[in-house]
N, C-alpha and C. Protein backbone atom coordinates (compact mmCIF):
# COMPACT_ATOMS: atom_id res chain seq x y z
N MET A 1 23.05 39.61 6.15
CA MET A 1 22.88 38.61 5.12
C MET A 1 23.16 37.21 5.66
N ARG A 2 24.15 37.12 6.55
CA ARG A 2 24.49 35.84 7.14
C ARG A 2 23.35 35.30 8.01
N VAL A 3 22.64 36.19 8.71
CA VAL A 3 21.52 35.79 9.56
C VAL A 3 20.39 35.21 8.72
N ILE A 4 20.15 35.80 7.56
CA ILE A 4 19.09 35.30 6.67
C ILE A 4 19.44 33.90 6.16
N LYS A 5 20.68 33.67 5.77
CA LYS A 5 21.09 32.35 5.29
C LYS A 5 20.98 31.31 6.39
N LEU A 6 21.39 31.67 7.60
CA LEU A 6 21.31 30.75 8.73
C LEU A 6 19.85 30.43 9.04
N SER A 7 18.99 31.42 9.02
CA SER A 7 17.57 31.20 9.29
C SER A 7 16.95 30.31 8.22
N ALA A 8 17.28 30.56 6.96
CA ALA A 8 16.75 29.75 5.86
C ALA A 8 17.22 28.31 5.98
N THR A 9 18.46 28.12 6.39
CA THR A 9 18.99 26.76 6.57
C THR A 9 18.26 26.05 7.71
N MET A 10 18.00 26.74 8.79
CA MET A 10 17.31 26.13 9.92
C MET A 10 15.86 25.79 9.57
N VAL A 11 15.20 26.65 8.82
CA VAL A 11 13.84 26.36 8.39
C VAL A 11 13.82 25.14 7.47
N ALA A 12 14.76 25.07 6.54
CA ALA A 12 14.83 23.94 5.63
C ALA A 12 15.10 22.65 6.40
N ALA A 13 16.00 22.70 7.37
CA ALA A 13 16.30 21.51 8.17
C ALA A 13 15.07 21.08 8.96
N GLY A 14 14.33 22.04 9.47
CA GLY A 14 13.11 21.72 10.21
C GLY A 14 12.06 21.06 9.33
N LEU A 15 11.92 21.54 8.11
CA LEU A 15 10.96 20.95 7.17
C LEU A 15 11.35 19.52 6.79
N VAL A 16 12.64 19.30 6.59
CA VAL A 16 13.11 17.96 6.26
C VAL A 16 12.87 17.02 7.43
N ALA A 17 13.16 17.48 8.64
CA ALA A 17 12.94 16.65 9.82
C ALA A 17 11.46 16.33 10.00
N ALA A 18 10.60 17.30 9.74
CA ALA A 18 9.16 17.07 9.88
C ALA A 18 8.65 16.09 8.82
N ALA A 19 9.20 16.17 7.62
CA ALA A 19 8.75 15.31 6.53
C ALA A 19 9.22 13.87 6.70
N PHE A 20 10.44 13.69 7.19
CA PHE A 20 11.01 12.34 7.27
C PHE A 20 11.14 11.82 8.69
N GLY A 21 10.72 12.58 9.65
CA GLY A 21 10.83 12.18 11.05
C GLY A 21 9.90 11.03 11.38
N GLY A 22 10.16 10.40 12.49
CA GLY A 22 9.33 9.29 12.94
C GLY A 22 7.93 9.73 13.26
N SER A 23 7.02 8.81 13.09
CA SER A 23 5.61 9.06 13.35
C SER A 23 5.10 7.99 14.29
N SER A 24 4.13 8.33 15.10
CA SER A 24 3.57 7.34 16.01
C SER A 24 2.62 6.40 15.28
N ALA A 25 2.18 6.77 14.08
CA ALA A 25 1.27 5.92 13.31
C ALA A 25 2.07 4.81 12.63
N GLN A 26 1.51 3.61 12.63
CA GLN A 26 2.17 2.50 11.97
C GLN A 26 1.31 2.02 10.82
N ALA A 27 1.94 1.69 9.72
CA ALA A 27 1.21 1.20 8.56
C ALA A 27 0.70 -0.20 8.83
N GLN A 28 -0.49 -0.47 8.39
CA GLN A 28 -1.07 -1.80 8.52
C GLN A 28 -0.69 -2.62 7.29
N SER A 29 -0.34 -3.86 7.49
CA SER A 29 -0.04 -4.71 6.36
C SER A 29 -1.35 -5.23 5.77
N THR A 30 -1.27 -5.72 4.54
CA THR A 30 -2.47 -6.23 3.89
C THR A 30 -3.01 -7.47 4.58
N SER A 31 -2.19 -8.17 5.37
CA SER A 31 -2.69 -9.34 6.08
C SER A 31 -3.51 -8.95 7.31
N SER A 32 -3.64 -7.65 7.57
CA SER A 32 -4.45 -7.17 8.68
C SER A 32 -5.91 -7.00 8.31
N TYR A 33 -6.26 -7.20 7.06
CA TYR A 33 -7.62 -6.97 6.58
C TYR A 33 -8.19 -8.24 5.96
N ALA A 34 -9.47 -8.50 6.20
CA ALA A 34 -10.10 -9.75 5.80
C ALA A 34 -10.52 -9.82 4.34
N TRP A 35 -10.71 -8.67 3.67
CA TRP A 35 -11.26 -8.68 2.31
C TRP A 35 -10.38 -7.90 1.34
N CYS A 36 -10.34 -8.38 0.10
CA CYS A 36 -9.58 -7.75 -0.98
C CYS A 36 -10.51 -7.35 -2.11
N LEU A 37 -10.27 -6.17 -2.67
CA LEU A 37 -10.96 -5.71 -3.87
C LEU A 37 -10.06 -6.03 -5.05
N MET A 38 -10.57 -6.80 -5.98
CA MET A 38 -9.81 -7.20 -7.15
C MET A 38 -10.22 -6.29 -8.31
N THR A 39 -9.25 -5.56 -8.84
CA THR A 39 -9.51 -4.63 -9.94
C THR A 39 -8.57 -4.97 -11.09
N GLY A 40 -9.01 -5.81 -11.97
CA GLY A 40 -8.16 -6.24 -13.08
C GLY A 40 -6.96 -7.00 -12.53
N PRO A 41 -5.74 -6.59 -12.89
CA PRO A 41 -4.56 -7.31 -12.41
C PRO A 41 -4.15 -6.93 -10.99
N ALA A 42 -4.77 -5.91 -10.41
CA ALA A 42 -4.36 -5.43 -9.08
C ALA A 42 -5.34 -5.89 -8.01
N GLN A 43 -4.83 -5.99 -6.80
CA GLN A 43 -5.71 -6.27 -5.66
C GLN A 43 -5.40 -5.28 -4.55
N SER A 44 -6.45 -4.90 -3.83
CA SER A 44 -6.33 -3.95 -2.74
C SER A 44 -6.96 -4.59 -1.50
N CYS A 45 -6.13 -5.05 -0.58
CA CYS A 45 -6.61 -5.78 0.60
C CYS A 45 -6.64 -4.86 1.82
N TYR A 46 -7.59 -3.93 1.83
CA TYR A 46 -7.70 -2.98 2.93
C TYR A 46 -9.13 -2.84 3.41
N TYR A 47 -9.88 -3.93 3.44
CA TYR A 47 -11.29 -3.88 3.81
C TYR A 47 -11.57 -4.84 4.96
N THR A 48 -12.31 -4.35 5.95
CA THR A 48 -12.60 -5.17 7.13
C THR A 48 -13.86 -6.00 6.95
N SER A 49 -14.71 -5.67 6.00
CA SER A 49 -15.93 -6.44 5.76
C SER A 49 -16.20 -6.53 4.27
N MET A 50 -16.99 -7.52 3.89
CA MET A 50 -17.35 -7.67 2.49
C MET A 50 -18.19 -6.47 2.04
N GLN A 51 -19.06 -5.97 2.91
CA GLN A 51 -19.90 -4.81 2.57
C GLN A 51 -19.04 -3.59 2.26
N GLN A 52 -17.99 -3.37 3.05
CA GLN A 52 -17.10 -2.24 2.82
C GLN A 52 -16.38 -2.40 1.48
N CYS A 53 -15.96 -3.59 1.18
CA CYS A 53 -15.29 -3.86 -0.09
C CYS A 53 -16.25 -3.65 -1.26
N MET A 54 -17.46 -4.19 -1.15
CA MET A 54 -18.45 -4.06 -2.22
C MET A 54 -18.81 -2.60 -2.49
N ALA A 55 -18.84 -1.79 -1.45
CA ALA A 55 -19.16 -0.37 -1.61
C ALA A 55 -18.06 0.38 -2.36
N SER A 56 -16.85 -0.18 -2.40
CA SER A 56 -15.72 0.46 -3.07
C SER A 56 -15.58 0.05 -4.53
N ARG A 57 -16.39 -0.92 -4.96
CA ARG A 57 -16.30 -1.39 -6.34
C ARG A 57 -16.68 -0.31 -7.33
N ARG A 58 -16.10 -0.41 -8.52
CA ARG A 58 -16.46 0.48 -9.62
C ARG A 58 -16.95 -0.38 -10.78
N GLY A 59 -18.20 -0.25 -11.09
CA GLY A 59 -18.76 -0.99 -12.22
C GLY A 59 -18.94 -2.46 -11.90
N ASN A 60 -19.08 -3.26 -12.95
CA ASN A 60 -19.32 -4.70 -12.79
C ASN A 60 -18.07 -5.53 -12.95
N VAL A 61 -16.94 -4.89 -13.18
CA VAL A 61 -15.70 -5.63 -13.42
C VAL A 61 -15.01 -5.98 -12.11
N ASP A 62 -14.98 -5.06 -11.15
CA ASP A 62 -14.32 -5.29 -9.87
C ASP A 62 -15.11 -6.30 -9.04
N PHE A 63 -14.40 -7.08 -8.22
CA PHE A 63 -15.07 -8.02 -7.33
C PHE A 63 -14.28 -8.15 -6.04
N CYS A 64 -14.93 -8.68 -5.01
CA CYS A 64 -14.31 -8.84 -3.70
C CYS A 64 -14.11 -10.32 -3.41
N GLU A 65 -13.04 -10.61 -2.70
CA GLU A 65 -12.80 -12.00 -2.28
C GLU A 65 -12.08 -11.98 -0.93
N PRO A 66 -12.22 -13.06 -0.16
CA PRO A 66 -11.52 -13.12 1.13
C PRO A 66 -10.00 -13.04 0.94
N ASN A 67 -9.35 -12.40 1.88
CA ASN A 67 -7.89 -12.27 1.86
C ASN A 67 -7.28 -13.57 2.36
N ASN A 68 -6.54 -14.27 1.52
CA ASN A 68 -5.97 -15.55 1.92
C ASN A 68 -4.76 -15.41 2.85
N THR A 69 -4.29 -14.18 3.08
CA THR A 69 -3.19 -13.96 4.02
C THR A 69 -3.67 -13.35 5.33
N TYR A 70 -4.99 -13.20 5.49
CA TYR A 70 -5.54 -12.59 6.70
C TYR A 70 -5.22 -13.46 7.91
N ALA A 71 -4.60 -12.85 8.92
CA ALA A 71 -4.18 -13.59 10.11
C ALA A 71 -5.20 -13.50 11.23
N GLY A 72 -6.24 -12.73 11.09
CA GLY A 72 -7.24 -12.56 12.14
C GLY A 72 -6.82 -11.47 13.12
N PRO A 73 -7.76 -11.08 13.97
CA PRO A 73 -7.45 -10.01 14.93
C PRO A 73 -6.45 -10.49 15.97
N ALA A 74 -5.60 -9.58 16.40
CA ALA A 74 -4.62 -9.89 17.44
C ALA A 74 -5.27 -9.66 18.80
N GLY A 75 -5.89 -10.67 19.31
CA GLY A 75 -6.59 -10.57 20.58
C GLY A 75 -5.67 -10.91 21.74
N PRO A 76 -6.20 -10.83 22.96
CA PRO A 76 -5.39 -11.19 24.13
C PRO A 76 -5.06 -12.68 24.13
N ARG A 77 -3.89 -13.00 24.61
CA ARG A 77 -3.48 -14.40 24.68
C ARG A 77 -4.12 -15.06 25.88
N SER A 78 -4.46 -16.30 25.73
CA SER A 78 -5.04 -17.04 26.85
C SER A 78 -3.96 -17.47 27.82
N MET A 79 -4.36 -17.80 29.01
CA MET A 79 -3.41 -18.29 30.02
C MET A 79 -2.74 -19.57 29.56
N ARG A 80 -3.46 -20.41 28.83
CA ARG A 80 -2.91 -21.67 28.35
C ARG A 80 -1.74 -21.43 27.41
N SER A 81 -1.83 -20.40 26.53
CA SER A 81 -0.74 -20.15 25.59
C SER A 81 0.47 -19.54 26.28
N MET A 82 0.31 -19.01 27.49
CA MET A 82 1.43 -18.42 28.21
C MET A 82 2.22 -19.46 29.02
N GLN A 83 1.67 -20.66 29.17
CA GLN A 83 2.34 -21.69 29.97
C GLN A 83 3.37 -22.45 29.19
């Protein structure tokens, strides 16, 4: 009986570690995307192009607009900025 309890505890600990453990994936912030879908009082800024945003619209009420917090792509730094 003690072996079963110990095994159940180890399985539970493993599941908790898997659920809350670190992941190599990082969440993107809304400033990483150029377009926002406006749906009533909410906005969803997860679109890289206006076409992608427009394809996600539902009906005639939703609309797309440029993301005013978009920082642009993180490209390589020039030699001038390193000096």
